[in-house]
Protein backbone atom coordinates (compact mmCIF):
# COMPACT_ATOMS: atom_id res chain seq x y z
CA MET A 1 -36.81 -61.88 16.23
CA GLN A 2 -39.54 -63.70 16.88
CA SER A 3 -40.39 -67.20 17.49
CA ASP A 4 -41.97 -69.25 15.22
CA ASP A 5 -43.59 -70.31 18.53
CA HIS A 6 -44.52 -66.76 18.95
CA LYS A 7 -45.80 -66.15 15.76
CA PRO A 8 -49.53 -67.48 15.61
CA LEU A 9 -50.31 -65.38 18.80
CA LEU A 10 -48.36 -63.03 17.47
CA SER A 11 -50.47 -62.76 14.87
CA ALA A 12 -53.60 -63.26 16.51
CA ARG A 13 -53.29 -60.21 18.09
CA ALA A 14 -52.42 -58.29 14.89
CA TRP A 15 -55.95 -59.54 14.25
CA ALA A 16 -57.50 -57.53 16.94
CA ILE A 17 -56.42 -54.90 16.13
CA HIS A 18 -57.54 -54.45 13.30
CA ILE A 19 -61.06 -55.79 14.33
CA PHE A 20 -60.55 -52.96 16.82
CA THR A 21 -60.54 -51.07 14.24
CA ALA A 22 -63.25 -52.07 12.63
CA SER A 23 -65.67 -51.76 15.57
CA GLY A 24 -65.69 -48.77 14.57
CA VAL A 25 -68.51 -49.37 12.65
CA ILE A 26 -70.71 -49.74 15.62
CA PRO A 27 -70.74 -46.37 17.25
CA GLY A 28 -71.34 -45.31 13.54
CA LEU A 29 -73.76 -47.02 13.30
CA LEU A 30 -76.46 -45.86 16.35
CA SER A 31 -75.47 -42.83 14.98
CA ILE A 32 -76.93 -42.99 11.90
CA GLU A 33 -79.91 -43.97 13.98
CA ALA A 34 -80.10 -41.08 16.19
CA VAL A 35 -79.88 -38.85 13.55
CA PHE A 36 -82.44 -40.40 11.79
CA ALA A 37 -84.40 -40.16 15.26
CA GLY A 38 -83.92 -36.20 15.19
CA ASP A 39 -80.61 -36.63 17.94
CA GLY A 40 -78.31 -35.00 17.35
CA ARG A 41 -76.41 -35.22 20.86
CA SER A 42 -76.51 -39.06 20.75
CA ALA A 43 -74.97 -39.44 17.47
CA LEU A 44 -72.05 -36.72 17.89
CA LEU A 45 -71.77 -39.04 21.09
CA TRP A 46 -70.85 -41.66 19.53
CA LEU A 47 -69.39 -40.29 16.19
CA GLY A 48 -67.38 -38.87 19.51
CA LEU A 49 -66.77 -43.17 20.72
CA ALA A 50 -65.60 -43.20 16.97
CA LEU A 51 -63.11 -41.17 16.88
CA VAL A 52 -61.77 -42.49 20.88
CA ILE A 53 -61.17 -46.25 19.13
CA ASP A 54 -59.69 -43.97 15.58
CA GLY A 55 -57.54 -42.22 18.02
CA LEU A 56 -56.27 -45.80 19.67
CA ASP A 57 -55.82 -47.59 16.43
CA GLY A 58 -53.27 -46.49 14.70
CA PRO A 59 -50.86 -46.25 17.55
CA LEU A 60 -51.65 -50.10 18.12
CA ALA A 61 -51.08 -50.78 15.10
CA ARG A 62 -48.05 -49.35 14.97
CA ARG A 63 -46.44 -50.52 17.98
CA PHE A 64 -47.17 -54.09 17.22
CA GLU A 65 -46.88 -54.02 13.92
CA VAL A 66 -49.65 -55.61 12.62
CA THR A 67 -49.21 -54.95 9.12
CA ARG A 68 -45.64 -57.40 9.74
CA TYR A 69 -47.60 -60.26 10.98
CA THR A 70 -51.33 -60.18 8.89
CA PRO A 71 -49.10 -58.95 5.51
CA ARG A 72 -52.22 -59.91 3.19
CA PHE A 73 -54.63 -57.43 4.86
CA ASP A 74 -54.10 -53.76 4.54
CA GLY A 75 -55.20 -52.26 7.89
CA ALA A 76 -54.89 -48.45 6.37
CA ILE A 77 -57.42 -48.97 3.70
CA LEU A 78 -60.08 -50.63 6.89
CA ASP A 79 -59.70 -46.83 8.64
CA LEU A 80 -59.81 -44.90 5.95
CA VAL A 81 -62.82 -46.61 4.81
CA ILE A 82 -64.32 -46.12 8.70
CA ASP A 83 -62.95 -42.94 8.21
CA TYR A 84 -65.37 -41.65 5.46
CA LEU A 85 -68.32 -42.73 7.04
CA THR A 86 -67.81 -41.51 10.82
CA TYR A 87 -65.55 -38.62 10.12
CA THR A 88 -68.00 -37.51 6.55
CA ALA A 89 -70.48 -39.08 5.07
CA ILE A 90 -72.25 -40.03 8.77
CA PRO A 91 -72.25 -35.78 9.89
CA ALA A 92 -72.96 -35.23 5.90
CA LEU A 93 -76.33 -36.91 6.58
CA MET A 94 -76.98 -34.18 9.82
CA ILE A 95 -76.36 -31.74 7.92
CA TRP A 96 -79.23 -32.62 5.16
CA GLN A 97 -81.59 -33.89 8.33
CA LEU A 98 -80.75 -31.71 11.06
CA GLU A 99 -81.51 -28.74 8.73
CA LEU A 100 -77.76 -27.73 10.02
CA VAL A 101 -78.20 -25.15 6.08
CA PRO A 102 -81.17 -22.99 5.35
CA GLU A 103 -83.84 -24.42 3.38
CA GLY A 104 -83.31 -26.48 0.30
CA TRP A 105 -79.80 -26.45 0.67
CA GLY A 106 -79.71 -29.76 2.42
CA LEU A 107 -78.59 -31.66 -0.07
CA ALA A 108 -76.50 -29.82 -2.13
CA ALA A 109 -74.13 -29.55 1.13
CA ALA A 110 -74.20 -32.43 2.15
CA SER A 111 -73.36 -33.60 -1.12
CA PHE A 112 -70.01 -31.37 -1.21
CA VAL A 113 -69.19 -31.95 1.46
CA MET A 114 -69.33 -35.79 0.06
CA LEU A 115 -67.57 -34.78 -3.11
CA THR A 116 -64.58 -32.49 -1.48
CA ALA A 117 -63.83 -35.61 1.62
CA LEU A 118 -63.00 -37.83 -1.31
CA TYR A 119 -60.11 -36.06 -3.00
CA CYS A 120 -59.10 -35.99 0.72
CA PHE A 121 -59.54 -39.29 1.49
CA GLY A 122 -57.50 -40.21 -2.28
CA ASN A 123 -54.88 -37.48 -2.25
CA LYS A 124 -51.80 -39.31 -1.62
CA ASP A 125 -49.92 -35.83 -0.50
CA MET A 126 -52.36 -36.01 2.01
CA LYS A 127 -49.84 -35.40 4.84
CA THR A 128 -47.08 -33.22 4.60
CA THR A 129 -43.53 -35.18 5.99
CA ASP A 130 -44.09 -33.75 8.98
CA ASN A 131 -47.27 -35.17 9.80
CA TYR A 132 -49.55 -32.73 9.16
CA PHE A 133 -52.28 -32.72 6.84
CA GLU A 134 -52.17 -30.54 3.67
CA GLY A 135 -55.72 -29.22 3.03
CA PHE A 136 -58.43 -29.29 5.58
CA PRO A 137 -58.39 -32.84 6.51
CA ALA A 138 -62.32 -33.89 6.10
CA THR A 139 -62.78 -33.55 9.40
CA TRP A 140 -66.60 -32.98 9.54
CA ASN A 141 -67.52 -34.91 12.18
CA LEU A 142 -65.36 -32.27 13.93
CA VAL A 143 -67.50 -28.99 12.32
CA VAL A 144 -70.57 -30.43 13.21
CA LEU A 145 -69.75 -31.02 16.46
CA CYS A 146 -68.22 -26.77 16.29
CA PHE A 147 -72.15 -25.63 15.16
CA PHE A 148 -74.31 -27.98 17.03
CA LEU A 149 -72.45 -26.20 20.67
CA SER A 150 -71.26 -23.09 18.94
CA ASP A 151 -75.48 -22.71 17.69
CA SER A 152 -74.25 -20.65 14.52
CA GLY A 153 -76.91 -19.54 12.45
CA GLN A 154 -78.03 -21.73 9.28
CA LEU A 155 -76.55 -18.99 6.81
CA THR A 156 -73.12 -19.22 9.04
CA ASN A 157 -72.58 -23.21 8.58
CA LEU A 158 -73.37 -22.86 4.78
CA LEU A 159 -70.65 -20.31 4.44
CA VAL A 160 -68.55 -22.90 6.92
CA ILE A 161 -68.99 -25.74 4.77
CA ALA A 162 -68.13 -23.38 1.24
CA LEU A 163 -64.93 -22.65 2.73
CA LEU A 164 -63.40 -25.30 4.29
CA GLY A 165 -64.51 -27.32 1.20
CA ILE A 166 -62.46 -24.69 -0.87
CA LEU A 167 -59.93 -25.43 1.92
CA THR A 168 -59.51 -29.37 0.57
CA PHE A 169 -57.75 -28.53 -2.30
CA THR A 170 -55.05 -25.37 -0.60
CA ARG A 171 -51.61 -25.93 1.11
CA LEU A 172 -53.00 -25.08 4.24
CA LYS A 173 -51.83 -26.62 7.06
CA PHE A 174 -53.33 -29.00 9.51
CA ILE A 175 -51.82 -30.24 12.70
CA HIS A 176 -52.31 -34.31 13.79
CA PRO A 177 -53.52 -34.46 17.22
CA PHE A 178 -50.64 -37.19 17.74
CA ARG A 179 -48.04 -37.07 15.54
CA VAL A 180 -46.49 -33.66 15.27
CA VAL A 181 -43.60 -34.21 17.29
CA ARG A 182 -43.47 -30.33 17.79
CA LEU A 183 -45.10 -29.51 20.84
CA ARG A 184 -46.05 -33.04 21.07
CA LEU A 185 -46.92 -33.44 24.76
CA VAL A 186 -48.48 -29.64 24.52
CA THR A 187 -50.78 -30.43 21.56
CA ILE A 188 -51.46 -34.37 23.57
CA PHE A 189 -52.61 -32.11 26.51
CA MET A 190 -54.58 -29.67 24.63
CA THR A 191 -56.75 -32.83 22.77
CA ALA A 192 -57.33 -33.49 25.91
CA ALA A 193 -58.81 -30.66 27.37
CA TRP A 194 -60.75 -30.69 24.05
CA GLY A 195 -62.54 -33.65 24.23
CA LEU A 196 -63.36 -33.45 28.31
CA SER A 197 -64.69 -30.75 27.15
CA SER A 198 -66.78 -31.39 24.74
CA THR A 199 -67.82 -34.29 25.53
CA TRP A 200 -68.99 -31.98 29.37
CA LEU A 201 -70.66 -29.35 26.52
CA LEU A 202 -72.65 -31.98 25.05
CA ILE A 203 -73.58 -33.42 28.03
CA ALA A 204 -74.98 -30.48 29.56
CA LYS A 205 -76.45 -28.66 26.87
CA THR A 206 -79.93 -27.60 27.08
CA ASP A 207 -81.58 -24.07 25.32
CA ALA A 208 -79.31 -21.97 26.67
CA PRO A 209 -75.86 -20.02 25.31
CA LEU A 210 -73.03 -22.86 26.55
CA LEU A 211 -71.79 -19.47 26.70
CA ASP A 212 -74.19 -18.72 29.51
CA SER A 213 -74.84 -21.95 31.82
CA GLU A 214 -71.52 -23.50 31.36
CA PRO A 215 -67.89 -20.77 30.96
CA ALA A 216 -65.68 -23.12 32.29
CA ALA A 217 -66.20 -25.77 30.24
CA TYR A 218 -67.15 -23.19 26.66
CA GLY A 219 -63.65 -21.26 27.09
CA ALA A 220 -61.38 -24.54 27.50
CA TRP A 221 -63.29 -25.90 24.59
CA ILE A 222 -62.80 -22.79 22.35
CA PHE A 223 -58.43 -22.27 23.22
CA SER A 224 -58.44 -26.07 22.79
CA SER A 225 -59.57 -25.17 19.36
CA LEU A 226 -57.76 -21.97 18.61
CA TYR A 227 -55.04 -24.02 19.67
CA PHE A 228 -55.10 -26.14 16.81
CA VAL A 229 -56.57 -23.74 14.48
CA GLY A 230 -53.26 -21.32 15.36
CA PHE A 231 -51.22 -24.18 15.58
CA GLY A 232 -51.67 -24.75 11.37
CA ALA A 233 -51.72 -21.56 10.91
CA VAL A 234 -48.15 -20.88 11.67
CA ARG A 235 -46.58 -24.53 9.97
CA SER A 236 -48.40 -22.44 6.92
CA PHE A 237 -47.33 -19.89 6.96
CA GLN A 238 -43.81 -20.24 8.27
CA ARG A 239 -40.73 -21.18 5.85
CA ASN A 240 -37.92 -23.09 5.43
CA ILE A 241 -39.57 -24.98 8.33
CA LYS A 242 -37.23 -28.11 9.68
CA SER A 243 -39.41 -31.38 9.66
CA ALA A 244 -40.07 -31.30 13.54
């Protein structure tokens, strides 16, 4: 039990963590500026910074009990608002403004992304008891990154968007990279490999296919991406699994 003398400092620390969470809107705004400048690379790098902030604020909030010391402020809602901006709204804008889908489909695809994501963010059962996401977790920032790094075609992108939007309403499992206990150390390593390789590829990307110009980094990116897809697929089809 903390003494009353320490409570102002503990409250200040909790508010500092909330401010850190809120700071995610700044790279979000810079990403929007980059989108309208036609700079997909910079837009994704700014979204990457927002993703790092989002990855750190939750563990900090739980570690330092921010709910206890700021009881009138809901950090979870703050986090969801920023996540909807950086995970969904800005990627939807990129799909539309950067013409990632066939001509005439931009507004429809962006609207579909934002509408299906609303179900995800409003779903009280979005996470399972063992901390997997149930249904596609509206990580459209990662989807747009895949489009950018793989140089996938507009029609392919449109079909992927349609498929993932539908998967939002299923019970398929998608791994949370930090909160799932099973093989956590391996998953954290794969998360680091994915993040570093993604950043390297974004910076190094030219008109040449990345498989040719950056084969090692591209191979690491593909392998780590498949790890997360495969982990979720295995969890989805296992029966009578015990909570991790």
